[in-house]
C-alpha atoms as a PDB file:
ATOM      1  CA  MET A   1       4.596 -35.335  -9.177  1.00  0.00           C
ATOM      2  CA  GLN A   2       3.370 -31.928  -9.903  1.00  0.00           C
ATOM      3  CA  GLY A   3       1.171 -31.441  -7.013  1.00  0.00           C
ATOM      4  CA  GLU A   4       4.320 -32.742  -4.645  1.00  0.00           C
ATOM      5  CA  ASP A   5       6.266 -29.841  -6.103  1.00  0.00           C
ATOM      6  CA  THR A   6       3.694 -27.267  -5.513  1.00  0.00           C
ATOM      7  CA  LYS A   7       2.997 -28.276  -1.849  1.00  0.00           C
ATOM      8  CA  MET A   8       6.720 -28.348  -1.235  1.00  0.00           C
ATOM      9  CA  ARG A   9       7.179 -24.943  -2.901  1.00  0.00           C
ATOM     10  CA  ASN A  10       4.005 -23.651  -0.259  1.00  0.00           C
ATOM     11  CA  GLU A  11       5.740 -25.392   2.601  1.00  0.00           C
ATOM     12  CA  GLU A  12       9.131 -23.694   1.592  1.00  0.00           C
ATOM     13  CA  TYR A  13       7.292 -20.372   1.226  1.00  0.00           C
ATOM     14  CA  SER A  14       5.761 -20.666   4.439  1.00  0.00           C
ATOM     15  CA  SER A  15       9.050 -21.148   6.221  1.00  0.00           C
ATOM     16  CA  PHE A  16      10.511 -18.612   4.689  1.00  0.00           C
ATOM     17  CA  ARG A  17       7.534 -15.659   5.362  1.00  0.00           C
ATOM     18  CA  GLN A  18       7.874 -16.956   8.882  1.00  0.00           C
ATOM     19  CA  LEU A  19      12.050 -16.168   8.949  1.00  0.00           C
ATOM     20  CA  LEU A  20      11.065 -13.091   7.209  1.00  0.00           C
ATOM     21  CA  GLY A  21       8.163 -11.664   9.178  1.00  0.00           C
ATOM     22  CA  GLU A  22      10.886 -12.518  12.246  1.00  0.00           C
ATOM     23  CA  GLY A  23      13.616 -10.419  10.682  1.00  0.00           C
ATOM     24  CA  ILE A  24      11.179  -7.262   9.569  1.00  0.00           C
ATOM     25  CA  ASN A  25      10.322  -7.247  13.286  1.00  0.00           C
ATOM     26  CA  ASP A  26      13.680  -7.436  14.612  1.00  0.00           C
ATOM     27  CA  ASN A  27      14.919  -4.995  12.151  1.00  0.00           C
ATOM     28  CA  SER A  28      12.267  -2.619  12.739  1.00  0.00           C
ATOM     29  CA  LYS A  29      13.471  -1.252  16.313  1.00  0.00           C
ATOM     30  CA  LYS A  30      16.817  -0.710  14.149  1.00  0.00           C
ATOM     31  CA  GLN A  31      15.383   0.949  11.149  1.00  0.00           C
ATOM     32  CA  SER A  32      12.279   1.386   8.988  1.00  0.00           C
ATOM     33  CA  THR A  33      13.522   0.049   5.879  1.00  0.00           C
ATOM     34  CA  PHE A  34      14.347  -3.522   5.237  1.00  0.00           C
ATOM     35  CA  LEU A  35      16.140  -4.107   1.649  1.00  0.00           C
ATOM     36  CA  ILE A  36      15.414  -8.230  -0.079  1.00  0.00           C
ATOM     37  CA  GLY A  37      17.298  -8.876  -3.353  1.00  0.00           C
ATOM     38  CA  ILE A  38      16.055 -11.658  -5.642  1.00  0.00           C
ATOM     39  CA  ASP A  39      18.285 -13.213  -7.867  1.00  0.00           C
ATOM     40  CA  GLY A  40      17.903 -15.930 -10.331  1.00  0.00           C
ATOM     41  CA  CYS A  41      17.961 -16.756 -14.263  1.00  0.00           C
ATOM     42  CA  GLY A  42      15.363 -15.595 -16.406  1.00  0.00           C
ATOM     43  CA  GLY A  43      11.861 -17.020 -15.873  1.00  0.00           C
ATOM     44  CA  SER A  44      12.763 -18.758 -12.999  1.00  0.00           C
ATOM     45  CA  GLY A  45      10.078 -16.953 -10.607  1.00  0.00           C
ATOM     46  CA  LYS A  46      11.587 -14.095  -9.210  1.00  0.00           C
ATOM     47  CA  SER A  47       8.688 -11.673 -10.159  1.00  0.00           C
ATOM     48  CA  THR A  48       6.230 -14.363  -8.903  1.00  0.00           C
ATOM     49  CA  PHE A  49       8.258 -14.518  -5.301  1.00  0.00           C
ATOM     50  CA  ALA A  50       8.127 -10.936  -5.090  1.00  0.00           C
ATOM     51  CA  ASP A  51       4.570 -10.645  -5.734  1.00  0.00           C
ATOM     52  CA  LYS A  52       3.772 -13.114  -3.229  1.00  0.00           C
ATOM     53  CA  ILE A  53       5.918 -11.144  -0.319  1.00  0.00           C
ATOM     54  CA  LYS A  54       4.033  -8.105  -1.557  1.00  0.00           C
ATOM     55  CA  GLU A  55       0.918  -9.789  -0.567  1.00  0.00           C
ATOM     56  CA  ASP A  56       1.775 -10.979   2.544  1.00  0.00           C
ATOM     57  CA  PHE A  57       3.631  -7.871   3.835  1.00  0.00           C
ATOM     58  CA  LEU A  58       1.985  -4.275   3.869  1.00  0.00           C
ATOM     59  CA  ASP A  59       3.953  -1.415   2.561  1.00  0.00           C
ATOM     60  CA  VAL A  60       5.869  -3.291   0.140  1.00  0.00           C
ATOM     61  CA  THR A  61       7.754  -2.159  -2.950  1.00  0.00           C
ATOM     62  CA  VAL A  62       8.822  -4.203  -5.944  1.00  0.00           C
ATOM     63  CA  VAL A  63      11.914  -2.983  -7.493  1.00  0.00           C
ATOM     64  CA  HIS A  64      12.768  -4.652 -11.100  1.00  0.00           C
ATOM     65  CA  MET A  65      16.114  -4.381 -12.292  1.00  0.00           C
ATOM     66  CA  ASP A  66      14.622  -4.650 -16.099  1.00  0.00           C
ATOM     67  CA  ASP A  67      13.637  -0.745 -15.428  1.00  0.00           C
ATOM     68  CA  PHE A  68      17.243   0.223 -14.837  1.00  0.00           C
ATOM     69  CA  TYR A  69      18.803  -1.333 -18.120  1.00  0.00           C
ATOM     70  CA  LEU A  70      21.187   1.224 -20.048  1.00  0.00           C
ATOM     71  CA  PRO A  71      19.458   2.450 -23.693  1.00  0.00           C
ATOM     72  CA  SER A  72      20.935   0.087 -26.098  1.00  0.00           C
ATOM     73  CA  SER A  73      23.011   3.212 -27.464  1.00  0.00           C
ATOM     74  CA  LEU A  74      24.698   2.684 -24.361  1.00  0.00           C
ATOM     75  CA  ILE A  75      25.228  -0.766 -24.120  1.00  0.00           C
ATOM     76  CA  MET A  76      28.685  -2.540 -24.916  1.00  0.00           C
ATOM     77  CA  LYS A  77      28.784  -4.213 -27.966  1.00  0.00           C
ATOM     78  CA  ILE A  78      30.895  -6.707 -27.448  1.00  0.00           C
ATOM     79  CA  GLU A  79      30.978 -10.614 -26.994  1.00  0.00           C
ATOM     80  CA  PRO A  80      28.264 -11.073 -23.569  1.00  0.00           C
ATOM     81  CA  THR A  81      31.024 -13.276 -22.083  1.00  0.00           C
ATOM     82  CA  LYS A  82      33.430 -10.654 -22.305  1.00  0.00           C
ATOM     83  CA  LYS A  83      31.092  -8.087 -20.481  1.00  0.00           C
ATOM     84  CA  PRO A  84      31.808  -7.505 -16.999  1.00  0.00           C
ATOM     85  CA  ILE A  85      28.969  -8.498 -14.942  1.00  0.00           C
ATOM     86  CA  GLY A  86      26.230  -5.739 -14.821  1.00  0.00           C
ATOM     87  CA  ALA A  87      27.660  -3.704 -17.589  1.00  0.00           C
ATOM     88  CA  ASP A  88      23.851  -3.174 -19.299  1.00  0.00           C
ATOM     89  CA  PHE A  89      22.710  -2.029 -15.676  1.00  0.00           C
ATOM     90  CA  ASP A  90      22.455   1.999 -15.161  1.00  0.00           C
ATOM     91  CA  TRP A  91      23.763   1.322 -11.493  1.00  0.00           C
ATOM     92  CA  ILE A  92      24.043   5.219 -11.105  1.00  0.00           C
ATOM     93  CA  ARG A  93      20.519   5.532 -12.002  1.00  0.00           C
ATOM     94  CA  LEU A  94      19.675   2.960  -9.494  1.00  0.00           C
ATOM     95  CA  LEU A  95      21.415   4.430  -7.052  1.00  0.00           C
ATOM     96  CA  ASN A  96      20.475   7.785  -7.064  1.00  0.00           C
ATOM     97  CA  GLN A  97      16.484   6.583  -7.656  1.00  0.00           C
ATOM     98  CA  VAL A  98      16.395   3.753  -4.913  1.00  0.00           C
ATOM     99  CA  LEU A  99      19.246   3.174  -2.781  1.00  0.00           C
ATOM    100  CA  GLU A 100      20.445   6.492  -1.616  1.00  0.00           C
ATOM    101  CA  PRO A 101      16.839   7.698  -1.036  1.00  0.00           C
ATOM    102  CA  LEU A 102      15.809   4.318   0.994  1.00  0.00           C
ATOM    103  CA  SER A 103      19.168   4.963   2.473  1.00  0.00           C
ATOM    104  CA  GLN A 104      17.979   8.148   4.054  1.00  0.00           C
ATOM    105  CA  GLU A 105      14.416   6.639   5.112  1.00  0.00           C
ATOM    106  CA  LYS A 106      12.883   8.260   1.881  1.00  0.00           C
ATOM    107  CA  VAL A 107      10.701   6.621  -0.470  1.00  0.00           C
ATOM    108  CA  GLY A 108      12.851   5.429  -3.460  1.00  0.00           C
END
């Protein structure tokens, strides 16, 4: 069963890779930066998936949201279910260090 799961994931990734390649080629005529967000639970394979994309395409930079957690002194000290989604991230730093430079065709 595990071998079948691996085969299916490889086939799914192969299809994704083809679609991504087509999207990048179509998009490259409009702009030089192509931003992809990968979401999922902890341990679900987001970093592995991002690393695979980086292996298969040139000029890829992976930005991990873990690098944008607020310092513990700034994290809201309330029940996690009562926090707004994303409350523990430094969205301003992400905007300044990654998103704004990318929007200006600069390295983030």
